[in-house]
């Protein structure tokens, strides 16, 4: 009974407002086949659905049952799961008096002219003492992008300590990964210090942690252990759609308007006609009043690597051939790659189910994943399958849609303000008429 009540609450929460709840109000509708009778199911959005999205946050996605009721859905992360490794600290030691020199004297020739300088002295006898120079962490088993390193460290209270993290495969050549200055108050009992590593790549590397202070430490500094957060570096298989360019166009610059609101992860350009290799730059912006932003650069080739893009989404896209090349003699073939997205839904309705995508202005109807999992009843999540309609989009010529829209809005505001002022003037004129005097009427 309790589970039925929770399911009813989820259905009410998922019910869209206005026409958001009408399957016919969405540009693309795709049949979905559920995986048996599993209460909670996962669905990978097909490329055709991604190419129809009109909101950056995928808010215009719904899943309807046979009676047109919106099913509860949850958004799933498209990034690989994060990994945590607990690392043992290995000390890096050095002799306490390795650089101690006695009997030091400095000689400079002539009257302060430092052309020749000499330091005389003798190395002091060594001792058995040693000092801790840093900490070594064995991360050779980690392959991926390093997100952050959390240190379990002893450090003096009231003294800022700067920790530096470096990586090396041969313990000889070190590359910096991150740095952070940590201050610990006298009343602070926590020993953790987290250093961001900015997704640095690791593969068969050691990590070295060293530290420095502005003055002599008041108490020993030591790293007792560490926890490394990383994520797999394996590239995500993109969802690809074929794009059709508008006819004509410049040989060196192709400007197009994108009909979707998702950022483009990669472009694949295939020259046509006699073109073989064309170096290109990809730029984006939302309207003509904005400067172009560089998204990526690469080579359009018949067999070549995809051009990875960063940033966006942008409504306007420019493919610019390198000035030193001959440009495009014919429109190249274009394929657009999106980062894949999955959603989870509750099969609280009657099959068959329909995935509906593409409605500008739709409100976000996603629920927390944990809320849907309360209805799983201990059963594994099913894997639903969506149909595979042709995944293609038509790229229109890049018109200044933003400026046209703003011009229309400004005209509407101007007309509305004019009508309002005319109405106010008429009311004031009526009030100024003497009592009993009628307003003049035009007579033929």
Protein backbone atom coordinates (compact mmCIF):
# COMPACT_ATOMS: atom_id res chain seq x y z
CA UNK A 1 0.00 0.00 0.00
CA UNK A 2 2.79 2.38 0.91
CA UNK A 3 4.54 1.67 -2.39
CA UNK A 4 1.35 2.42 -4.32
CA UNK A 5 0.98 5.73 -2.51
CA UNK A 6 4.58 6.65 -3.33
CA UNK A 7 4.02 5.75 -6.97
CA UNK A 8 0.93 7.95 -7.07
CA UNK A 9 2.89 10.84 -5.58
CA UNK A 10 5.61 10.37 -8.22
CA UNK A 11 3.03 10.38 -11.00
CA UNK A 12 1.57 13.64 -9.72
CA UNK A 13 5.05 15.17 -9.47
CA UNK A 14 5.84 14.07 -13.03
CA UNK A 15 2.63 15.47 -14.49
CA UNK A 16 3.71 18.31 -16.81
CA UNK A 17 2.02 21.69 -16.83
CA UNK A 18 0.02 22.96 -19.79
CA UNK A 19 0.91 21.49 -23.17
CA UNK A 20 4.06 19.95 -21.70
CA UNK A 21 1.81 16.98 -20.97
CA UNK A 22 0.65 16.61 -24.58
CA UNK A 23 2.74 14.11 -26.57
CA UNK A 24 1.71 15.87 -29.78
CA UNK A 25 3.36 19.09 -28.62
CA UNK A 26 6.85 17.61 -29.06
CA UNK A 27 8.75 17.63 -32.34
CA UNK A 28 10.02 14.04 -32.19
CA UNK A 29 8.30 10.95 -30.78
CA UNK A 30 10.09 7.60 -30.60
CA UNK A 31 8.68 4.23 -29.57
CA UNK A 32 10.23 2.66 -26.45
CA UNK A 33 10.18 -1.05 -25.64
CA UNK A 34 10.32 -1.85 -21.93
CA UNK A 35 12.56 -4.60 -20.54
CA UNK A 36 10.02 -7.04 -19.19
CA UNK A 37 8.06 -5.89 -16.16
CA UNK A 38 10.91 -4.26 -14.21
CA UNK A 39 9.39 -1.32 -12.28
CA UNK A 40 12.39 0.96 -12.90
CA UNK A 41 14.17 1.01 -16.25
CA UNK A 42 17.10 2.79 -17.85
CA UNK A 43 16.96 4.23 -21.35
CA UNK A 44 19.83 5.47 -23.51
CA UNK A 45 18.59 8.45 -25.51
CA UNK A 46 19.03 7.74 -29.24
CA UNK A 47 20.92 10.24 -31.43
CA UNK A 48 17.69 11.39 -33.08
CA UNK A 49 16.37 12.43 -29.67
CA UNK A 50 19.53 14.33 -28.74
CA UNK A 51 19.42 16.22 -32.05
CA UNK A 52 15.85 17.38 -31.28
CA UNK A 53 16.51 18.79 -27.78
CA UNK A 54 15.54 22.47 -27.48
CA UNK A 55 16.70 23.16 -23.91
CA UNK A 56 20.33 22.99 -22.68
CA UNK A 57 19.40 20.93 -19.62
CA UNK A 58 17.31 18.37 -21.56
CA UNK A 59 14.18 19.74 -19.86
CA UNK A 60 12.03 19.08 -22.94
CA UNK A 61 12.14 15.29 -22.65
CA UNK A 62 9.14 13.25 -21.55
CA UNK A 63 8.19 9.59 -21.56
CA UNK A 64 4.48 8.83 -22.01
CA UNK A 65 2.53 5.62 -21.61
CA UNK A 66 -0.18 4.30 -23.95
CA UNK A 67 -2.80 6.60 -22.36
CA UNK A 68 -0.65 9.71 -22.76
CA UNK A 69 0.37 10.00 -19.11
CA UNK A 70 3.86 11.29 -18.37
CA UNK A 71 5.94 8.73 -16.48
CA UNK A 72 8.28 9.80 -13.66
CA UNK A 73 11.81 10.22 -15.03
CA UNK A 74 15.25 10.90 -13.56
CA UNK A 75 18.37 12.28 -15.21
CA UNK A 76 21.47 10.08 -15.15
CA UNK A 77 25.01 11.42 -15.31
CA UNK A 78 26.81 11.01 -18.61
CA UNK A 79 30.26 11.05 -16.98
CA UNK A 80 32.10 7.88 -15.92
CA UNK A 81 31.83 6.85 -12.29
CA UNK A 82 34.46 8.28 -9.98
CA UNK A 83 37.08 6.01 -8.44
CA UNK A 84 38.74 6.35 -5.01
CA UNK A 85 42.09 4.78 -4.11
CA UNK A 86 43.57 4.73 -0.61
CA UNK A 87 47.34 5.16 -0.87
CA UNK A 88 50.07 4.31 1.61
CA UNK A 89 52.65 7.01 2.27
CA UNK A 90 56.30 6.14 1.58
CA UNK A 91 58.81 8.61 3.07
CA UNK A 92 61.43 10.35 0.96
CA UNK A 93 64.46 10.79 3.22
CA UNK A 94 67.62 12.84 3.01
CA UNK A 95 70.73 13.29 5.18
CA UNK A 96 70.26 15.98 7.78
CA UNK A 97 73.70 17.52 7.08
CA UNK A 98 74.12 16.69 3.40
CA UNK A 99 74.84 20.30 2.52
CA UNK A 100 76.53 21.52 5.71
CA UNK A 101 79.83 23.36 4.98
CA UNK A 102 82.30 24.63 7.61
CA UNK A 103 85.07 27.23 7.34
CA UNK A 104 83.21 29.25 4.73
CA UNK A 105 84.98 32.22 3.10
CA UNK A 106 84.17 34.28 0.02
CA UNK A 107 86.78 36.08 -2.11
CA UNK A 108 85.96 38.66 -4.77
CA UNK A 109 88.75 40.06 -6.97
CA UNK A 110 89.44 43.76 -7.38
CA UNK A 111 87.38 46.43 -5.70
CA UNK A 112 84.02 44.70 -5.62
CA UNK A 113 84.23 43.66 -9.27
CA UNK A 114 82.67 40.19 -9.22
CA UNK A 115 84.38 38.78 -12.31
CA UNK A 116 85.90 35.91 -10.35
CA UNK A 117 84.38 34.59 -7.12
CA UNK A 118 85.48 31.60 -5.08
CA UNK A 119 83.99 29.84 -2.07
CA UNK A 120 86.38 28.01 0.25
CA UNK A 121 85.23 25.55 2.88
CA UNK A 122 85.16 21.93 3.94
CA UNK A 123 82.25 19.50 4.16
CA UNK A 124 81.38 18.70 7.75
CA UNK A 125 81.60 15.05 8.83
CA UNK A 126 78.33 13.16 8.23
CA UNK A 127 76.06 11.76 10.89
CA UNK A 128 73.48 9.02 10.96
CA UNK A 129 70.57 11.49 11.18
CA UNK A 130 68.00 11.92 8.38
CA UNK A 131 65.21 14.33 7.55
CA UNK A 132 61.86 13.83 5.81
CA UNK A 133 61.97 15.59 2.44
CA UNK A 134 58.58 14.49 1.11
CA UNK A 135 56.21 11.59 0.55
CA UNK A 136 55.98 9.13 -2.35
CA UNK A 137 52.63 7.60 -3.38
CA UNK A 138 52.44 4.56 -5.65
CA UNK A 139 49.65 5.24 -8.17
CA UNK A 140 50.91 3.06 -11.00
CA UNK A 141 47.68 1.05 -10.94
CA UNK A 142 45.59 4.16 -11.60
CA UNK A 143 44.86 5.05 -15.22
CA UNK A 144 42.63 8.01 -15.83
CA UNK A 145 42.08 11.63 -14.91
CA UNK A 146 43.21 12.64 -11.42
CA UNK A 147 40.55 14.83 -9.82
CA UNK A 148 41.86 15.50 -6.30
CA UNK A 149 44.29 14.19 -3.68
CA UNK A 150 43.26 14.26 -0.01
CA UNK A 151 46.19 14.11 2.42
CA UNK A 152 46.09 12.78 5.97
CA UNK A 153 48.87 15.03 7.24
CA UNK A 154 50.45 16.24 10.45
CA UNK A 155 51.33 19.92 10.26
CA UNK A 156 52.04 22.73 12.72
CA UNK A 157 49.17 24.87 13.93
CA UNK A 158 49.19 28.52 12.99
CA UNK A 159 51.69 28.15 10.12
CA UNK A 160 50.63 28.15 6.44
CA UNK A 161 52.07 25.11 4.66
CA UNK A 162 52.21 24.88 0.86
CA UNK A 163 51.84 21.33 -0.49
CA UNK A 164 52.97 20.52 -4.04
CA UNK A 165 51.92 17.37 -5.93
CA UNK A 166 54.00 16.09 -8.85
CA UNK A 167 53.91 12.98 -11.04
CA UNK A 168 56.64 10.87 -12.65
CA UNK A 169 57.01 7.45 -14.24
CA UNK A 170 60.76 7.08 -13.67
CA UNK A 171 61.16 8.92 -10.32
CA UNK A 172 63.48 11.32 -12.12
CA UNK A 173 61.52 13.71 -14.33
CA UNK A 174 58.62 15.25 -12.43
CA UNK A 175 55.69 17.23 -13.79
CA UNK A 176 53.53 19.44 -11.53
CA UNK A 177 49.88 18.47 -10.99
CA UNK A 178 48.62 20.73 -8.22
CA UNK A 179 49.49 23.01 -5.34
CA UNK A 180 47.65 24.31 -2.30
CA UNK A 181 48.49 26.34 0.79
CA UNK A 182 46.81 24.99 3.93
CA UNK A 183 46.39 26.79 7.25
CA UNK A 184 45.40 24.87 10.36
CA UNK A 185 44.15 26.72 13.43
CA UNK A 186 45.22 25.64 16.90
CA UNK A 187 41.65 24.49 17.65
CA UNK A 188 41.31 22.54 14.40
CA UNK A 189 41.48 18.78 14.95
CA UNK A 190 40.98 17.77 11.30
CA UNK A 191 44.11 16.52 9.53
CA UNK A 192 42.79 16.32 5.95
CA UNK A 193 43.98 18.63 3.19
CA UNK A 194 42.48 18.28 -0.31
CA UNK A 195 44.48 19.40 -3.35
CA UNK A 196 42.73 19.78 -6.72
CA UNK A 197 44.60 18.08 -9.59
CA UNK A 198 42.61 19.56 -12.51
CA UNK A 199 41.90 16.21 -14.23
CA UNK A 200 45.59 15.56 -14.88
CA UNK A 201 46.22 12.34 -16.79
CA UNK A 202 47.80 9.42 -14.93
CA UNK A 203 49.13 6.19 -16.39
CA UNK A 204 51.80 4.18 -14.57
CA UNK A 205 52.87 7.20 -12.50
CA UNK A 206 54.16 7.81 -9.00
CA UNK A 207 53.00 10.87 -7.08
CA UNK A 208 55.36 12.97 -4.99
CA UNK A 209 54.12 15.31 -2.27
CA UNK A 210 56.50 17.97 -0.94
CA UNK A 211 55.94 21.00 1.25
CA UNK A 212 57.50 24.30 2.15
CA UNK A 213 56.97 27.05 4.72
CA UNK A 214 57.95 30.69 4.94
CA UNK A 215 59.85 29.94 8.15
CA UNK A 216 61.12 26.98 10.14
CA UNK A 217 58.25 24.63 11.12
CA UNK A 218 57.20 24.71 14.76
CA UNK A 219 56.42 20.98 14.68
CA UNK A 220 57.24 18.10 12.29
CA UNK A 221 55.30 17.76 9.03
CA UNK A 222 54.41 14.28 7.83
CA UNK A 223 51.91 12.70 5.42
CA UNK A 224 50.41 9.54 6.95
CA UNK A 225 48.35 8.52 3.93
CA UNK A 226 46.29 9.83 1.04
CA UNK A 227 43.12 9.23 -0.96
CA UNK A 228 43.15 9.79 -4.72
CA UNK A 229 39.94 10.57 -6.59
CA UNK A 230 40.04 9.81 -10.30
CA UNK A 231 37.81 8.79 -13.16
CA UNK A 232 38.47 6.56 -16.17
CA UNK A 233 40.15 8.22 -19.12
CA UNK A 234 38.52 5.95 -21.66
CA UNK A 235 36.76 8.13 -24.20
CA UNK A 236 32.98 7.98 -24.20
CA UNK A 237 31.45 6.67 -27.42
CA UNK A 238 29.64 9.67 -28.87
CA UNK A 239 26.16 9.64 -30.36
CA UNK A 240 26.49 10.67 -34.02
CA UNK A 241 24.00 12.32 -36.37
CA UNK A 242 24.40 13.27 -40.02
CA UNK A 243 24.07 16.98 -40.79
CA UNK A 244 23.04 18.51 -44.12
CA UNK A 245 24.58 21.87 -44.98
CA UNK A 246 22.57 24.58 -46.76
CA UNK A 247 23.26 24.92 -50.50
CA UNK A 248 25.84 27.40 -51.74
CA UNK A 249 28.10 29.03 -49.21
CA UNK A 250 31.56 30.51 -49.22
CA UNK A 251 34.59 28.41 -50.14
CA UNK A 252 36.42 29.41 -46.97
CA UNK A 253 33.67 30.11 -44.45
CA UNK A 254 30.53 28.09 -43.79
CA UNK A 255 28.11 29.72 -41.34
CA UNK A 256 25.13 27.67 -40.17
CA UNK A 257 22.42 27.77 -37.50
CA UNK A 258 22.01 24.67 -35.34
CA UNK A 259 18.45 23.42 -34.68
CA UNK A 260 19.27 21.92 -31.28
CA UNK A 261 20.29 23.21 -27.85
CA UNK A 262 22.91 20.64 -26.83
CA UNK A 263 26.63 21.42 -27.03
CA UNK A 264 28.51 19.64 -29.80
CA UNK A 265 31.22 17.34 -28.48
CA UNK A 266 32.92 16.64 -31.83
CA UNK A 267 32.64 17.26 -35.56
CA UNK A 268 33.63 14.96 -38.36
CA UNK A 269 34.21 16.77 -41.67
CA UNK A 270 34.68 14.78 -44.88
CA UNK A 271 35.80 16.79 -47.96
CA UNK A 272 33.84 16.34 -51.17
CA UNK A 273 34.83 16.63 -54.82
CA UNK A 274 38.54 17.08 -55.42
CA UNK A 275 39.27 18.31 -51.88
CA UNK A 276 41.63 16.09 -49.91
CA UNK A 277 42.83 17.92 -46.76
CA UNK A 278 41.46 21.21 -45.45
CA UNK A 279 42.68 22.58 -42.09
CA UNK A 280 39.74 24.22 -40.32
CA UNK A 281 38.78 26.16 -37.22
CA UNK A 282 35.35 25.75 -35.61
CA UNK A 283 33.80 28.79 -33.93
CA UNK A 284 30.48 29.50 -32.26
CA UNK A 285 28.26 32.31 -31.01
CA UNK A 286 24.56 32.98 -30.33
CA UNK A 287 23.99 36.12 -32.43
CA UNK A 288 25.81 38.66 -34.58
CA UNK A 289 26.39 41.03 -31.65
CA UNK A 290 28.68 38.51 -29.98
CA UNK A 291 32.28 37.82 -31.02
CA UNK A 292 33.11 34.39 -32.38
CA UNK A 293 34.44 31.93 -29.79
CA UNK A 294 36.96 29.29 -30.85
CA UNK A 295 35.56 25.82 -30.08
CA UNK A 296 38.21 23.65 -31.72
CA UNK A 297 40.46 23.16 -34.72
CA UNK A 298 41.54 20.22 -36.82
CA UNK A 299 41.63 18.87 -40.36
CA UNK A 300 38.80 17.93 -42.68
CA UNK A 301 39.98 14.68 -44.28
CA UNK A 302 38.51 11.58 -45.84
CA UNK A 303 40.15 9.47 -43.14
CA UNK A 304 41.08 11.48 -40.10
CA UNK A 305 40.40 12.13 -36.46
CA UNK A 306 37.28 13.81 -35.17
CA UNK A 307 37.57 17.49 -34.25
CA UNK A 308 36.89 17.77 -30.52
CA UNK A 309 34.93 20.87 -29.50
CA UNK A 310 34.66 22.58 -26.12
CA UNK A 311 32.15 25.12 -24.87
CA UNK A 312 28.65 25.95 -25.94
CA UNK A 313 25.95 25.33 -26.75
CA UNK A 314 25.87 27.97 -29.48
CA UNK A 315 23.09 28.62 -31.96
CA UNK A 316 25.46 29.76 -34.70
CA UNK A 317 28.40 27.72 -35.95
CA UNK A 318 31.23 28.68 -38.29
CA UNK A 319 33.49 26.28 -40.17
CA UNK A 320 36.45 28.39 -41.29
CA UNK A 321 39.06 26.97 -43.67
CA UNK A 322 42.68 27.88 -43.01
CA UNK A 323 43.67 31.04 -44.94
CA UNK A 324 46.66 29.21 -46.40
CA UNK A 325 44.52 26.45 -47.90
CA UNK A 326 42.39 26.49 -51.04
CA UNK A 327 39.23 26.12 -48.97
CA UNK A 328 36.26 23.95 -49.94
CA UNK A 329 35.43 23.50 -53.61
CA UNK A 330 32.23 21.69 -52.55
CA UNK A 331 30.25 21.42 -49.34
CA UNK A 332 31.88 18.80 -47.10
CA UNK A 333 30.02 15.99 -45.40
CA UNK A 334 29.31 16.74 -41.76
CA UNK A 335 28.65 14.46 -38.82
CA UNK A 336 27.88 15.83 -35.36
CA UNK A 337 28.79 13.97 -32.18
CA UNK A 338 26.91 14.45 -28.89
CA UNK A 339 27.85 13.25 -25.43
CA UNK A 340 25.46 10.34 -24.71
CA UNK A 341 22.73 10.81 -22.11
CA UNK A 342 20.62 8.26 -20.26
CA UNK A 343 17.45 8.61 -18.25
CA UNK A 344 15.66 6.40 -15.76
CA UNK A 345 11.88 6.03 -15.77
CA UNK A 346 9.15 4.33 -13.77
CA UNK A 347 6.90 1.91 -15.67
CA UNK A 348 3.82 3.03 -13.76
CA UNK A 349 1.62 3.11 -16.86
CA UNK A 350 0.48 0.87 -19.66
CA UNK A 351 2.79 -0.11 -22.52
CA UNK A 352 3.72 0.81 -25.19
CA UNK A 353 5.75 3.81 -24.09
CA UNK A 354 6.73 6.83 -26.17
CA UNK A 355 9.77 9.06 -25.82
CA UNK A 356 8.85 12.67 -26.70
CA UNK A 357 11.54 15.30 -27.34
CA UNK A 358 11.69 18.84 -28.67
CA UNK A 359 9.57 21.56 -27.07
CA UNK A 360 11.10 24.97 -26.41
CA UNK A 361 10.24 26.41 -23.02
CA UNK A 362 9.29 23.10 -21.42
CA UNK A 363 9.84 22.99 -17.68
CA UNK A 364 12.24 20.57 -16.02
CA UNK A 365 10.32 17.52 -14.78
CA UNK A 366 13.19 15.32 -13.60
CA UNK A 367 12.99 13.68 -10.19
CA UNK A 368 15.87 12.42 -8.02
CA UNK A 369 17.12 8.95 -8.92
CA UNK A 370 16.66 7.90 -5.29
CA UNK A 371 12.94 8.71 -5.52
CA UNK A 372 12.46 6.32 -8.45
CA UNK A 373 14.55 3.62 -6.82
CA UNK A 374 12.07 3.45 -3.93
CA UNK A 375 9.77 1.70 -6.41
CA UNK A 376 12.30 -0.88 -7.60
CA UNK A 377 11.13 -3.38 -4.96
CA UNK A 378 14.62 -4.84 -4.78
CA UNK A 379 14.61 -5.83 -8.46
CA UNK A 380 17.39 -4.90 -10.88
CA UNK A 381 16.94 -1.92 -13.17
CA UNK A 382 15.71 -2.96 -16.61
CA UNK A 383 17.31 -1.78 -19.85
CA UNK A 384 14.66 -0.34 -22.15
CA UNK A 385 15.26 0.07 -25.88
CA UNK A 386 14.29 3.05 -28.03
CA UNK A 387 13.59 2.86 -31.72
CA UNK A 388 16.27 4.04 -34.11
CA UNK A 389 14.78 6.58 -36.54
CA UNK A 390 17.13 8.21 -39.05
CA UNK A 391 19.51 10.42 -37.08
CA UNK A 392 19.96 13.48 -39.27
CA UNK A 393 19.52 17.23 -38.98
CA UNK A 394 19.35 20.07 -41.48
CA UNK A 395 21.57 23.04 -40.73
CA UNK A 396 20.02 26.29 -41.94
CA UNK A 397 21.83 29.38 -43.14
CA UNK A 398 23.03 31.48 -40.24
CA UNK A 399 20.56 34.35 -40.04
CA UNK A 400 20.67 36.83 -37.20
CA UNK A 401 17.77 35.19 -35.38
CA UNK A 402 18.63 36.87 -32.11
CA UNK A 403 18.53 40.38 -33.59
CA UNK A 404 15.26 39.69 -35.45
CA UNK A 405 13.65 38.44 -32.26
CA UNK A 406 14.83 41.44 -30.28
CA UNK A 407 13.58 43.81 -32.99
CA UNK A 408 10.15 42.17 -32.90
CA UNK A 409 10.01 42.38 -29.11
CA UNK A 410 11.03 46.05 -29.16
CA UNK A 411 8.31 46.85 -31.72
CA UNK A 412 5.71 45.07 -29.61
CA UNK A 413 6.84 46.99 -26.52
CA UNK A 414 6.72 50.28 -28.45
CA UNK A 415 3.22 49.61 -29.81
CA UNK A 416 2.00 48.54 -26.38
CA UNK A 417 3.43 51.65 -24.74
CA UNK A 418 1.85 53.86 -27.43
CA UNK A 419 -1.55 52.25 -26.90
CA UNK A 420 -1.21 52.66 -23.14
CA UNK A 421 -0.32 56.36 -23.44
CA UNK A 422 -3.24 56.93 -25.83
CA UNK A 423 -5.61 55.27 -23.38
CA UNK A 424 -4.33 57.36 -20.47
CA UNK A 425 -4.66 60.56 -22.51
CA UNK A 426 -8.24 59.70 -23.43
CA UNK A 427 -9.13 59.01 -19.78
CA UNK A 428 -7.60 62.32 -18.65
CA UNK A 429 -9.47 64.17 -21.37
CA UNK A 430 -12.76 62.59 -20.31
CA UNK A 431 -12.22 63.57 -16.68
CA UNK A 432 -11.60 67.22 -17.61
CA UNK A 433 -15.01 67.59 -19.31
CA UNK A 434 -17.54 69.65 -17.23
CA UNK A 435 -20.29 67.68 -15.52
CA UNK A 436 -23.17 67.00 -17.85
CA UNK A 437 -21.20 67.90 -20.96
CA UNK A 438 -21.00 65.07 -23.39
CA UNK A 439 -17.99 64.35 -25.42
CA UNK A 440 -18.21 65.76 -28.95
CA UNK A 441 -19.42 63.37 -31.57
CA UNK A 442 -18.47 63.66 -35.21
CA UNK A 443 -21.56 64.14 -37.38
CA UNK A 444 -21.71 63.72 -41.12
